[in-house]
Amino acid sequence: MLSDAAVECVYLACGATDLRKSIDGLAALVQAGFALNPFAPALFVFCNRPRDKVKILHWAGDGFWLYYKRLERGTFRWPRTTDSGARAISRRQLRWLLDGLSLEQPQAHAAVTARTVV
């Protein structure tokens, strides 16, 4: 479902978020705290302080999806920052993060935009 979503942008909430917040609380945080539109075609990603739980908020045109993942072992490689804003990341970086990797993967192949066939 998440990979099929019409998403133009992914926003990572910097720092820890109180994940007791429901859809309305997270949407209010996106709008008031980050000055972003929670109804935009975007994913808004939040992580708790111990970095073992993630929630993703997504507007689907007729209602919100709230994705939730709890790790049984280990933690997410969430960027440590004192910022309280949102950081734009790529869908590829989100996949890395959800797979337990850091946002920066220097060994990854660089994205290529092909213009012609040779």
Protein backbone atom coordinates (compact mmCIF):
# COMPACT_ATOMS: atom_id res chain seq x y z
CA MET A 1 0.00 0.00 0.00
CA LEU A 2 2.68 2.49 1.00
CA SER A 3 4.65 1.99 -2.21
CA ASP A 4 1.51 2.43 -4.33
CA ALA A 5 0.59 5.76 -2.76
CA ALA A 6 0.62 8.88 -4.93
CA VAL A 7 3.37 10.71 -3.09
CA GLU A 8 5.31 13.72 -4.30
CA CYS A 9 7.33 14.38 -1.15
CA VAL A 10 8.41 12.71 2.08
CA TYR A 11 8.92 14.78 5.22
CA LEU A 12 10.82 13.47 8.22
CA ALA A 13 9.93 14.99 11.59
CA CYS A 14 13.28 15.91 13.14
CA GLY A 15 13.77 14.84 16.73
CA ALA A 16 11.42 12.64 18.75
CA THR A 17 7.62 12.79 18.53
CA ASP A 18 5.13 11.67 21.16
CA LEU A 19 3.54 8.76 19.28
CA ARG A 20 0.53 8.71 21.57
CA LYS A 21 -0.78 11.33 19.13
CA SER A 22 -3.47 10.06 16.81
CA ILE A 23 -4.20 11.15 13.25
CA ASP A 24 -5.63 14.49 14.34
CA GLY A 25 -2.70 15.25 16.65
CA LEU A 26 -0.11 14.41 14.00
CA ALA A 27 -2.00 16.38 11.32
CA ALA A 28 -2.11 19.39 13.67
CA LEU A 29 1.64 19.03 14.26
CA VAL A 30 2.26 19.00 10.49
CA GLN A 31 0.13 22.09 9.97
CA ALA A 32 1.01 24.21 13.03
CA GLY A 33 4.46 22.92 13.93
CA PHE A 34 5.96 22.46 10.48
CA ALA A 35 3.82 24.96 8.49
CA LEU A 36 3.06 22.22 5.93
CA ASN A 37 -0.24 21.06 4.46
CA PRO A 38 -1.25 17.66 5.91
CA PHE A 39 -3.55 17.18 2.87
CA ALA A 40 -0.67 17.43 0.40
CA PRO A 41 0.37 14.33 -1.60
CA ALA A 42 3.15 13.61 0.88
CA LEU A 43 4.20 11.23 3.62
CA PHE A 44 4.90 12.66 7.06
CA VAL A 45 7.17 10.37 9.08
CA PHE A 46 7.50 10.47 12.89
CA CYS A 47 9.66 8.50 15.33
CA ASN A 48 9.53 8.10 19.12
CA ARG A 49 12.38 8.90 21.53
CA PRO A 50 13.69 5.28 21.89
CA ARG A 51 13.65 5.08 18.04
CA ASP A 52 11.84 1.74 17.95
CA LYS A 53 8.49 2.97 16.61
CA VAL A 54 7.53 4.95 13.51
CA LYS A 55 4.24 6.45 12.36
CA ILE A 56 3.59 7.69 8.84
CA LEU A 57 0.67 10.01 8.08
CA HIS A 58 -0.71 10.13 4.53
CA TRP A 59 -3.79 11.82 3.08
CA ALA A 60 -5.50 9.53 0.53
CA GLY A 61 -8.03 11.97 -0.93
CA ASP A 62 -10.96 10.79 1.19
CA GLY A 63 -9.26 10.20 4.52
CA PHE A 64 -5.97 9.74 6.31
CA TRP A 65 -3.86 6.60 6.43
CA LEU A 66 -1.78 6.10 9.55
CA TYR A 67 0.97 3.53 9.10
CA TYR A 68 2.64 2.24 12.26
CA LYS A 69 5.74 0.09 12.64
CA ARG A 70 7.19 -1.23 15.89
CA LEU A 71 10.53 -2.99 15.86
CA GLU A 72 10.81 -6.10 18.00
CA ARG A 73 14.61 -5.71 18.14
CA GLY A 74 16.92 -2.83 17.33
CA THR A 75 16.27 0.80 16.51
CA PHE A 76 15.76 3.00 13.50
CA ARG A 77 18.80 5.00 12.39
CA TRP A 78 16.89 8.23 12.94
CA PRO A 79 18.95 11.37 12.37
CA ARG A 80 19.89 12.91 15.70
CA THR A 81 19.18 16.61 15.75
CA THR A 82 18.02 19.34 18.07
CA ASP A 83 15.83 20.71 15.28
CA SER A 84 12.09 20.50 15.74
CA GLY A 85 11.16 21.02 12.11
CA ALA A 86 10.61 18.73 9.16
CA ARG A 87 13.26 17.60 6.68
CA ALA A 88 12.44 16.62 3.09
CA ILE A 89 13.89 13.24 2.09
CA SER A 90 13.46 10.98 -0.92
CA ARG A 91 11.31 7.83 -1.02
CA ARG A 92 14.55 5.91 -1.47
CA GLN A 93 15.93 7.37 1.78
CA LEU A 94 12.67 6.45 3.52
CA ARG A 95 13.08 2.83 2.39
CA TRP A 96 16.63 2.83 3.74
CA LEU A 97 15.46 4.26 7.05
CA LEU A 98 12.65 1.71 7.42
CA ASP A 99 15.12 -1.09 6.59
CA GLY A 100 17.42 -0.04 9.43
CA LEU A 101 19.96 1.89 7.37
CA SER A 102 21.04 5.51 7.68
CA LEU A 103 19.73 8.20 5.34
CA GLU A 104 23.12 8.52 3.68
CA GLN A 105 24.33 5.48 1.75
CA PRO A 106 27.59 6.38 -0.02
CA GLN A 107 27.86 2.92 -1.65
CA ALA A 108 24.40 3.18 -3.26
CA HIS A 109 24.23 3.70 -6.99
CA ALA A 110 23.50 7.30 -7.88
CA ALA A 111 20.16 8.01 -9.53
CA VAL A 112 20.39 8.26 -13.31
CA THR A 113 18.01 10.16 -15.53
CA ALA A 114 18.19 8.55 -18.97
CA ARG A 115 17.39 10.79 -21.92
CA THR A 116 18.12 8.53 -24.87
CA VAL A 117 18.88 4.92 -25.63
CA VAL A 118 22.37 4.31 -26.97
